[in-house]
Protein backbone atom coordinates (compact mmCIF):
# COMPACT_ATOMS: atom_id res chain seq x y z
CA MET A 1 18.96 -124.38 81.04
CA HIS A 2 20.63 -127.51 82.32
CA THR A 3 21.71 -127.75 85.94
CA LYS A 4 25.39 -128.06 85.06
CA HIS A 5 25.25 -124.77 83.12
CA HIS A 6 23.46 -123.03 85.99
CA THR A 7 26.07 -124.41 88.37
CA ILE A 8 29.08 -123.29 86.31
CA LEU A 9 27.70 -119.83 85.51
CA SER A 10 26.53 -119.30 89.10
CA LEU A 11 29.96 -120.28 90.36
CA LEU A 12 31.59 -117.74 88.05
CA PHE A 13 29.05 -115.09 89.06
CA SER A 14 29.67 -115.80 92.75
CA ALA A 15 33.45 -115.65 92.26
CA PHE A 16 33.00 -112.27 90.57
CA LEU A 17 30.95 -111.03 93.54
CA PHE A 18 33.25 -112.47 96.22
CA PRO A 19 35.32 -109.28 96.67
CA ILE A 20 32.10 -107.38 97.44
CA PHE A 21 30.04 -109.86 99.50
CA LYS A 22 32.78 -112.19 100.82
CA TRP A 23 31.36 -115.49 102.12
CA ASN A 24 27.78 -114.39 101.52
CA THR A 25 28.45 -115.33 97.91
CA LEU A 26 27.98 -118.92 99.07
CA ILE A 27 24.31 -118.06 99.73
CA ILE A 28 24.08 -116.44 96.30
CA PHE A 29 25.59 -119.49 94.62
CA LEU A 30 23.43 -122.02 96.47
CA SER A 31 20.21 -120.11 95.87
CA ALA A 32 21.02 -119.72 92.17
CA VAL A 33 21.45 -123.49 91.83
CA LEU A 34 19.09 -124.96 94.43
CA ILE A 35 16.10 -122.98 93.18
CA ASP A 36 15.75 -125.78 90.62
CA GLY A 37 14.70 -128.09 93.45
CA ASP A 38 11.11 -127.24 92.53
CA HIS A 39 11.59 -129.26 89.32
CA TYR A 40 12.19 -132.34 91.45
CA LEU A 41 9.29 -131.51 93.75
CA GLY A 42 6.99 -131.13 90.74
CA HIS A 43 8.13 -134.50 89.43
CA ILE A 44 7.37 -136.16 92.76
CA ILE A 45 3.88 -134.65 92.82
CA THR A 46 2.92 -135.32 89.20
CA GLU A 47 4.66 -138.65 88.61
CA LYS A 48 4.54 -140.11 92.14
CA GLU A 49 8.19 -141.01 91.57
CA TRP A 50 11.05 -140.25 93.98
CA SER A 51 13.98 -141.12 91.74
CA LEU A 52 16.17 -138.07 91.19
CA LYS A 53 17.64 -139.66 88.07
CA LYS A 54 14.20 -140.32 86.56
CA ALA A 55 13.10 -136.79 87.43
CA TYR A 56 16.15 -135.36 85.68
CA ASN A 57 15.63 -137.52 82.60
CA HIS A 58 11.91 -136.74 82.52
CA ARG A 59 12.64 -133.01 82.37
CA LYS A 60 15.58 -133.43 80.01
CA ASP A 61 13.57 -135.50 77.52
CA GLY A 62 10.93 -132.80 77.25
CA ARG A 63 8.10 -135.07 78.43
CA PHE A 64 6.27 -132.35 80.26
CA HIS A 65 3.47 -129.91 79.70
CA ASP A 66 2.08 -126.90 81.51
CA LEU A 67 4.72 -126.82 84.19
CA LEU A 68 4.30 -124.99 87.44
CA ASP A 69 7.74 -124.58 88.96
CA ILE A 70 6.62 -122.68 92.03
CA SER A 71 9.96 -121.07 92.82
CA HIS A 72 10.24 -119.85 89.22
CA THR A 73 7.13 -117.68 89.41
CA ILE A 74 7.01 -113.92 89.65
CA GLU A 75 4.97 -114.25 92.84
CA PHE A 76 7.77 -116.22 94.51
CA TRP A 77 10.34 -113.70 93.32
CA LEU A 78 8.23 -110.78 94.64
CA LEU A 79 7.79 -112.53 97.99
CA ILE A 80 11.56 -112.91 98.34
CA LEU A 81 12.00 -109.29 97.22
CA VAL A 82 9.67 -108.00 99.94
CA LEU A 83 11.13 -110.26 102.63
CA ALA A 84 14.67 -109.23 101.65
CA PHE A 85 13.92 -105.80 103.08
CA PHE A 86 13.53 -107.43 106.50
CA TYR A 87 16.02 -110.31 106.38
CA LYS A 88 19.58 -109.77 105.16
CA PHE A 89 19.97 -113.47 104.33
CA LEU A 90 17.15 -113.19 101.79
CA TYR A 91 18.90 -110.26 100.14
CA PHE A 92 21.62 -112.69 99.03
CA VAL A 93 19.01 -115.30 98.08
CA LEU A 94 17.33 -112.62 95.95
CA ILE A 95 20.57 -111.94 94.11
CA GLY A 96 21.01 -115.66 93.41
CA ILE A 97 17.47 -116.30 92.17
CA THR A 98 17.49 -113.14 90.09
CA PHE A 99 20.67 -114.34 88.38
CA HIS A 100 19.00 -117.73 87.86
CA PHE A 101 15.90 -116.10 86.31
CA ILE A 102 18.05 -114.03 83.97
CA LEU A 103 19.87 -117.16 82.80
CA ASP A 104 16.54 -118.95 82.27
CA LEU A 105 15.14 -116.06 80.24
CA ILE A 106 18.25 -115.81 78.08
CA TYR A 107 18.11 -119.56 77.47
CA LEU A 108 14.40 -119.52 76.59
CA ILE A 109 14.65 -116.52 74.29
CA PHE A 110 17.81 -117.42 72.41
CA PHE A 111 18.33 -121.17 72.68
CA ASP A 112 15.17 -123.16 73.41
CA GLN A 113 11.95 -121.58 72.27
CA SER A 114 10.30 -125.00 71.94
CA THR A 115 9.64 -125.21 75.70
CA LYS A 116 8.51 -121.61 76.09
CA ASP A 117 4.81 -122.56 76.03
CA PHE A 118 5.20 -125.35 78.56
CA ARG A 119 6.33 -123.22 81.46
CA THR A 120 4.48 -120.58 83.35
CA PHE A 121 6.14 -117.67 85.07
CA SER A 122 3.11 -116.80 87.16
CA LEU A 123 1.07 -118.82 89.63
CA ILE A 124 -1.99 -116.73 88.78
CA THR A 125 -1.61 -117.41 85.06
CA TRP A 126 -1.18 -121.14 85.69
CA LEU A 127 -4.25 -121.30 87.93
CA TYR A 128 -6.33 -119.35 85.41
CA ARG A 129 -5.17 -121.48 82.50
CA ASN A 130 -5.90 -124.71 84.36
CA LYS A 131 -9.31 -123.49 85.51
CA ILE A 132 -10.22 -122.79 81.86
CA LYS A 133 -9.00 -126.25 80.82
CA LYS A 134 -11.06 -127.96 83.52
CA SER A 135 -14.20 -125.96 82.74
CA SER A 136 -13.87 -126.69 79.01
CA TYR A 137 -13.64 -130.43 79.78
CA LYS A 138 -16.84 -130.24 81.83
CA GLN A 139 -18.72 -128.60 78.95
CA LYS A 140 -17.89 -131.39 76.49
């Protein structure tokens, strides 16, 4: 899902939650949007390019394969879930990233199945898949 859609929907979600959580909805909103910062980080690592515009266009054009967006993995989500029991701030972060994940899943299932195979939702799966790829290259 594009950043502008995440931003608009997260803003509406936060406005809906404002009567319950007051100004903590700002944390929910920011975590729901800023979680996509790992896309930029991944671009910097893989492409050795710091341009935010190029990173956005690279992702938008679909020129990617086997993505590991670290903050989009189940392990990251579980870490935040566990830590949220100890830190109230992370409880609101958890709400924001959970909303973000739900939007991503809805988008992948109903609107953009072409990129479904390019993204991993688990660090363990990504490591396993890449270990198999590397070992199959060595055998050839």
